[in-house]
Amino acid sequence: MKAREALTKKIGADGFLIRNLVKEPLGVAELRKLAKTVGGPENLVAPKRRKEAEGLSGAALLEWLAADGGRVRRPIIVTPKGMTVGFAADAKARLDELL
């Protein structure tokens, strides 16, 4: 029963996996996979944290993002059809396509 309760907390009634990236930051390997999908790790940096990330790239940027989930652009929505990141208008339009 406890395993089911834990799963229910992770996966809502709608079938989505919900992860609080501030409390459970993504690891470097997870970020590397996401970065490939969005065109590089620069596209995973939260807009308000971009100045802090200046001068970082590649592995150094992934390490920096992994150290603090608040640095990662959110929400990250992955569906079987693709992925979208953030709240920008283009991300919302892409989400409509994916769902």
N, C-alpha and C. Protein backbone atom coordinates (compact mmCIF):
# COMPACT_ATOMS: atom_id res chain seq x y z
N MET A 1 0.82 -1.19 0.00
CA MET A 1 0.00 0.00 0.00
C MET A 1 0.86 1.25 0.00
N LYS A 2 1.97 1.26 0.73
CA LYS A 2 2.82 2.45 0.79
C LYS A 2 3.41 2.77 -0.57
N ALA A 3 3.79 1.75 -1.33
CA ALA A 3 4.34 1.99 -2.66
C ALA A 3 3.30 2.65 -3.56
N ARG A 4 2.07 2.21 -3.46
CA ARG A 4 0.99 2.80 -4.25
C ARG A 4 0.77 4.26 -3.86
N GLU A 5 0.81 4.54 -2.56
CA GLU A 5 0.64 5.91 -2.09
C GLU A 5 1.75 6.81 -2.60
N ALA A 6 2.99 6.31 -2.58
CA ALA A 6 4.12 7.09 -3.08
C ALA A 6 3.96 7.35 -4.57
N LEU A 7 3.53 6.35 -5.30
CA LEU A 7 3.32 6.50 -6.73
C LEU A 7 2.20 7.49 -7.00
N THR A 8 1.15 7.45 -6.21
CA THR A 8 0.04 8.37 -6.38
C THR A 8 0.50 9.80 -6.18
N LYS A 9 1.41 10.02 -5.24
CA LYS A 9 1.93 11.36 -5.01
C LYS A 9 2.76 11.82 -6.20
N LYS A 10 3.50 10.91 -6.82
CA LYS A 10 4.33 11.24 -7.97
C LYS A 10 3.50 11.39 -9.25
N ILE A 11 2.54 10.50 -9.43
CA ILE A 11 1.73 10.51 -10.65
C ILE A 11 0.30 10.83 -10.25
N GLY A 12 -0.17 11.98 -10.72
CA GLY A 12 -1.52 12.41 -10.38
C GLY A 12 -2.57 11.58 -11.09
N ALA A 13 -3.81 11.86 -10.79
CA ALA A 13 -4.93 11.14 -11.38
C ALA A 13 -4.94 11.29 -12.90
N ASP A 14 -4.35 12.39 -13.41
CA ASP A 14 -4.32 12.62 -14.85
C ASP A 14 -3.19 11.86 -15.54
N GLY A 15 -2.37 11.13 -14.78
CA GLY A 15 -1.31 10.33 -15.36
C GLY A 15 0.01 11.07 -15.55
N PHE A 16 0.12 12.30 -15.07
CA PHE A 16 1.34 13.07 -15.21
C PHE A 16 2.29 12.81 -14.06
N LEU A 17 3.58 12.74 -14.36
CA LEU A 17 4.61 12.67 -13.35
C LEU A 17 4.92 14.11 -12.93
N ILE A 18 4.80 14.40 -11.67
CA ILE A 18 5.05 15.74 -11.17
C ILE A 18 6.29 15.68 -10.30
N ARG A 19 7.26 16.55 -10.61
CA ARG A 19 8.51 16.59 -9.87
C ARG A 19 8.84 18.03 -9.54
N ASN A 20 9.03 18.32 -8.27
CA ASN A 20 9.42 19.64 -7.83
C ASN A 20 10.93 19.75 -8.02
N LEU A 21 11.37 20.50 -9.03
CA LEU A 21 12.78 20.56 -9.37
C LEU A 21 13.61 21.30 -8.34
N VAL A 22 12.99 22.10 -7.51
CA VAL A 22 13.73 22.78 -6.45
C VAL A 22 14.06 21.79 -5.34
N LYS A 23 13.09 20.95 -5.00
CA LYS A 23 13.31 19.95 -3.95
C LYS A 23 14.04 18.71 -4.46
N GLU A 24 13.80 18.35 -5.72
CA GLU A 24 14.43 17.18 -6.35
C GLU A 24 15.09 17.62 -7.66
N PRO A 25 16.24 18.30 -7.58
CA PRO A 25 16.88 18.79 -8.81
C PRO A 25 17.23 17.67 -9.77
N LEU A 26 17.26 18.01 -11.03
CA LEU A 26 17.66 17.06 -12.06
C LEU A 26 19.16 16.83 -11.97
N GLY A 27 19.59 15.63 -12.27
CA GLY A 27 21.01 15.31 -12.29
C GLY A 27 21.63 15.72 -13.63
N VAL A 28 22.94 15.68 -13.69
CA VAL A 28 23.65 16.07 -14.91
C VAL A 28 23.22 15.20 -16.09
N ALA A 29 23.08 13.90 -15.88
CA ALA A 29 22.69 12.99 -16.98
C ALA A 29 21.29 13.33 -17.49
N GLU A 30 20.36 13.62 -16.57
CA GLU A 30 19.00 13.99 -16.98
C GLU A 30 19.03 15.31 -17.75
N LEU A 31 19.79 16.26 -17.27
CA LEU A 31 19.88 17.56 -17.93
C LEU A 31 20.53 17.43 -19.31
N ARG A 32 21.52 16.56 -19.43
CA ARG A 32 22.18 16.35 -20.72
C ARG A 32 21.18 15.82 -21.75
N LYS A 33 20.33 14.87 -21.34
CA LYS A 33 19.31 14.34 -22.25
C LYS A 33 18.32 15.42 -22.67
N LEU A 34 17.87 16.21 -21.69
CA LEU A 34 16.93 17.29 -22.00
C LEU A 34 17.57 18.33 -22.91
N ALA A 35 18.84 18.64 -22.65
CA ALA A 35 19.55 19.65 -23.44
C ALA A 35 19.61 19.26 -24.91
N LYS A 36 19.81 17.98 -25.18
CA LYS A 36 19.84 17.51 -26.57
C LYS A 36 18.51 17.78 -27.26
N THR A 37 17.44 17.65 -26.52
CA THR A 37 16.10 17.83 -27.09
C THR A 37 15.77 19.29 -27.35
N VAL A 38 16.28 20.19 -26.50
CA VAL A 38 15.92 21.61 -26.62
C VAL A 38 16.99 22.45 -27.32
N GLY A 39 18.03 21.81 -27.86
CA GLY A 39 19.03 22.55 -28.60
C GLY A 39 20.19 23.08 -27.78
N GLY A 40 20.46 22.47 -26.64
CA GLY A 40 21.61 22.84 -25.83
C GLY A 40 21.24 23.25 -24.42
N PRO A 41 22.20 23.15 -23.50
CA PRO A 41 21.91 23.46 -22.10
C PRO A 41 21.55 24.92 -21.86
N GLU A 42 21.97 25.82 -22.74
CA GLU A 42 21.63 27.24 -22.59
C GLU A 42 20.12 27.44 -22.58
N ASN A 43 19.41 26.59 -23.30
CA ASN A 43 17.96 26.69 -23.39
C ASN A 43 17.24 26.14 -22.16
N LEU A 44 17.98 25.59 -21.23
CA LEU A 44 17.39 25.08 -19.99
C LEU A 44 17.55 26.07 -18.82
N VAL A 45 18.27 27.16 -19.06
CA VAL A 45 18.51 28.14 -17.99
C VAL A 45 17.26 29.01 -17.83
N ALA A 46 16.81 29.15 -16.59
CA ALA A 46 15.66 30.01 -16.29
C ALA A 46 15.98 31.44 -16.71
N PRO A 47 15.02 32.14 -17.33
CA PRO A 47 15.27 33.49 -17.81
C PRO A 47 15.86 34.44 -16.76
N LYS A 48 15.40 34.35 -15.54
CA LYS A 48 15.90 35.24 -14.49
C LYS A 48 17.30 34.87 -14.02
N ARG A 49 17.82 33.73 -14.42
CA ARG A 49 19.14 33.28 -13.97
C ARG A 49 20.19 33.34 -15.09
N ARG A 50 19.81 33.87 -16.25
CA ARG A 50 20.73 33.87 -17.40
C ARG A 50 22.00 34.67 -17.16
N LYS A 51 21.89 35.79 -16.48
CA LYS A 51 23.10 36.59 -16.20
C LYS A 51 24.09 35.81 -15.35
N GLU A 52 23.58 35.04 -14.39
CA GLU A 52 24.45 34.23 -13.54
C GLU A 52 25.18 33.15 -14.34
N ALA A 53 24.56 32.70 -15.42
CA ALA A 53 25.11 31.60 -16.21
C ALA A 53 26.06 32.09 -17.31
N GLU A 54 26.19 33.39 -17.47
CA GLU A 54 27.07 33.92 -18.53
C GLU A 54 28.48 33.36 -18.36
N GLY A 55 29.06 32.96 -19.46
CA GLY A 55 30.41 32.41 -19.44
C GLY A 55 30.47 30.90 -19.22
N LEU A 56 29.36 30.31 -18.85
CA LEU A 56 29.32 28.86 -18.66
C LEU A 56 28.77 28.19 -19.91
N SER A 57 29.30 27.04 -20.24
CA SER A 57 28.76 26.27 -21.36
C SER A 57 29.09 24.79 -21.16
N GLY A 58 28.45 23.97 -21.96
CA GLY A 58 28.72 22.54 -21.93
C GLY A 58 28.57 21.92 -20.55
N ALA A 59 29.57 21.12 -20.17
CA ALA A 59 29.53 20.38 -18.92
C ALA A 59 29.48 21.31 -17.71
N ALA A 60 30.17 22.44 -17.77
CA ALA A 60 30.16 23.39 -16.65
C ALA A 60 28.77 23.94 -16.42
N LEU A 61 28.06 24.22 -17.50
CA LEU A 61 26.69 24.74 -17.39
C LEU A 61 25.76 23.66 -16.84
N LEU A 62 25.92 22.44 -17.29
CA LEU A 62 25.09 21.33 -16.77
C LEU A 62 25.32 21.12 -15.28
N GLU A 63 26.56 21.19 -14.84
CA GLU A 63 26.88 21.06 -13.41
C GLU A 63 26.22 22.18 -12.62
N TRP A 64 26.30 23.41 -13.16
CA TRP A 64 25.72 24.58 -12.50
C TRP A 64 24.21 24.41 -12.37
N LEU A 65 23.55 23.95 -13.42
CA LEU A 65 22.10 23.73 -13.39
C LEU A 65 21.74 22.63 -12.39
N ALA A 66 22.53 21.56 -12.36
CA ALA A 66 22.25 20.43 -11.48
C ALA A 66 22.39 20.81 -10.00
N ALA A 67 23.21 21.80 -9.71
CA ALA A 67 23.46 22.20 -8.32
C ALA A 67 22.27 22.91 -7.68
N ASP A 68 21.36 23.46 -8.50
CA ASP A 68 20.22 24.21 -7.96
C ASP A 68 19.07 24.12 -8.96
N GLY A 69 18.03 23.38 -8.59
CA GLY A 69 16.87 23.21 -9.47
C GLY A 69 16.17 24.52 -9.81
N GLY A 70 16.36 25.56 -9.00
CA GLY A 70 15.77 26.86 -9.28
C GLY A 70 16.39 27.56 -10.47
N ARG A 71 17.52 27.06 -10.93
CA ARG A 71 18.19 27.64 -12.10
C ARG A 71 17.63 27.12 -13.41
N VAL A 72 16.86 26.04 -13.33
CA VAL A 72 16.33 25.37 -14.53
C VAL A 72 15.02 26.00 -14.94
N ARG A 73 14.89 26.25 -16.23
CA ARG A 73 13.65 26.79 -16.78
C ARG A 73 12.53 25.79 -16.57
N ARG A 74 11.40 26.28 -16.07
CA ARG A 74 10.27 25.42 -15.76
C ARG A 74 8.99 26.02 -16.30
N PRO A 75 7.97 25.23 -16.50
CA PRO A 75 7.89 23.78 -16.36
C PRO A 75 8.53 23.07 -17.54
N ILE A 76 8.91 21.86 -17.32
CA ILE A 76 9.40 20.97 -18.38
C ILE A 76 8.31 19.93 -18.57
N ILE A 77 7.75 19.90 -19.75
CA ILE A 77 6.66 18.97 -20.02
C ILE A 77 7.09 18.05 -21.15
N VAL A 78 7.14 16.76 -20.83
CA VAL A 78 7.56 15.75 -21.80
C VAL A 78 6.36 14.85 -22.08
N THR A 79 6.06 14.70 -23.36
CA THR A 79 4.97 13.81 -23.79
C THR A 79 5.56 12.80 -24.78
N PRO A 80 4.82 11.79 -25.13
CA PRO A 80 5.32 10.86 -26.13
C PRO A 80 5.61 11.53 -27.48
N LYS A 81 4.96 12.66 -27.74
CA LYS A 81 5.14 13.36 -29.01
C LYS A 81 6.29 14.37 -29.00
N GLY A 82 6.78 14.76 -27.82
CA GLY A 82 7.85 15.74 -27.76
C GLY A 82 7.94 16.41 -26.40
N MET A 83 8.61 17.57 -26.38
CA MET A 83 8.86 18.25 -25.13
C MET A 83 8.74 19.76 -25.30
N THR A 84 8.35 20.44 -24.22
CA THR A 84 8.32 21.89 -24.20
C THR A 84 8.85 22.36 -22.84
N VAL A 85 9.45 23.56 -22.84
CA VAL A 85 10.05 24.10 -21.63
C VAL A 85 9.63 25.55 -21.48
N GLY A 86 9.17 25.92 -20.28
CA GLY A 86 8.87 27.30 -19.96
C GLY A 86 7.44 27.70 -20.23
N PHE A 87 7.19 29.03 -20.00
CA PHE A 87 5.85 29.58 -20.13
C PHE A 87 5.70 30.52 -21.32
N ALA A 88 6.73 30.71 -22.12
CA ALA A 88 6.67 31.64 -23.25
C ALA A 88 5.56 31.23 -24.22
N ALA A 89 5.12 32.18 -25.02
CA ALA A 89 4.03 31.92 -25.96
C ALA A 89 4.34 30.76 -26.89
N ASP A 90 5.58 30.66 -27.36
CA ASP A 90 5.93 29.56 -28.26
C ASP A 90 5.87 28.21 -27.55
N ALA A 91 6.20 28.20 -26.26
CA ALA A 91 6.11 26.96 -25.47
C ALA A 91 4.66 26.55 -25.29
N LYS A 92 3.79 27.52 -25.06
CA LYS A 92 2.37 27.22 -24.92
C LYS A 92 1.78 26.69 -26.21
N ALA A 93 2.18 27.28 -27.33
CA ALA A 93 1.70 26.81 -28.63
C ALA A 93 2.19 25.39 -28.90
N ARG A 94 3.45 25.14 -28.57
CA ARG A 94 4.01 23.80 -28.77
C ARG A 94 3.30 22.77 -27.88
N LEU A 95 2.95 23.17 -26.67
CA LEU A 95 2.24 22.28 -25.76
C LEU A 95 0.87 21.90 -26.32
N ASP A 96 0.20 22.85 -26.94
CA ASP A 96 -1.09 22.54 -27.58
C ASP A 96 -0.90 21.47 -28.66
N GLU A 97 0.20 21.54 -29.40
CA GLU A 97 0.48 20.54 -30.45
C GLU A 97 0.74 19.17 -29.82
N LEU A 98 1.45 19.17 -28.70
CA LEU A 98 1.85 17.92 -28.07
C LEU A 98 0.71 17.19 -27.37
N LEU A 99 -0.23 17.97 -26.87
CA LEU A 99 -1.35 17.36 -26.15
C LEU A 99 -2.50 17.20 -27.10
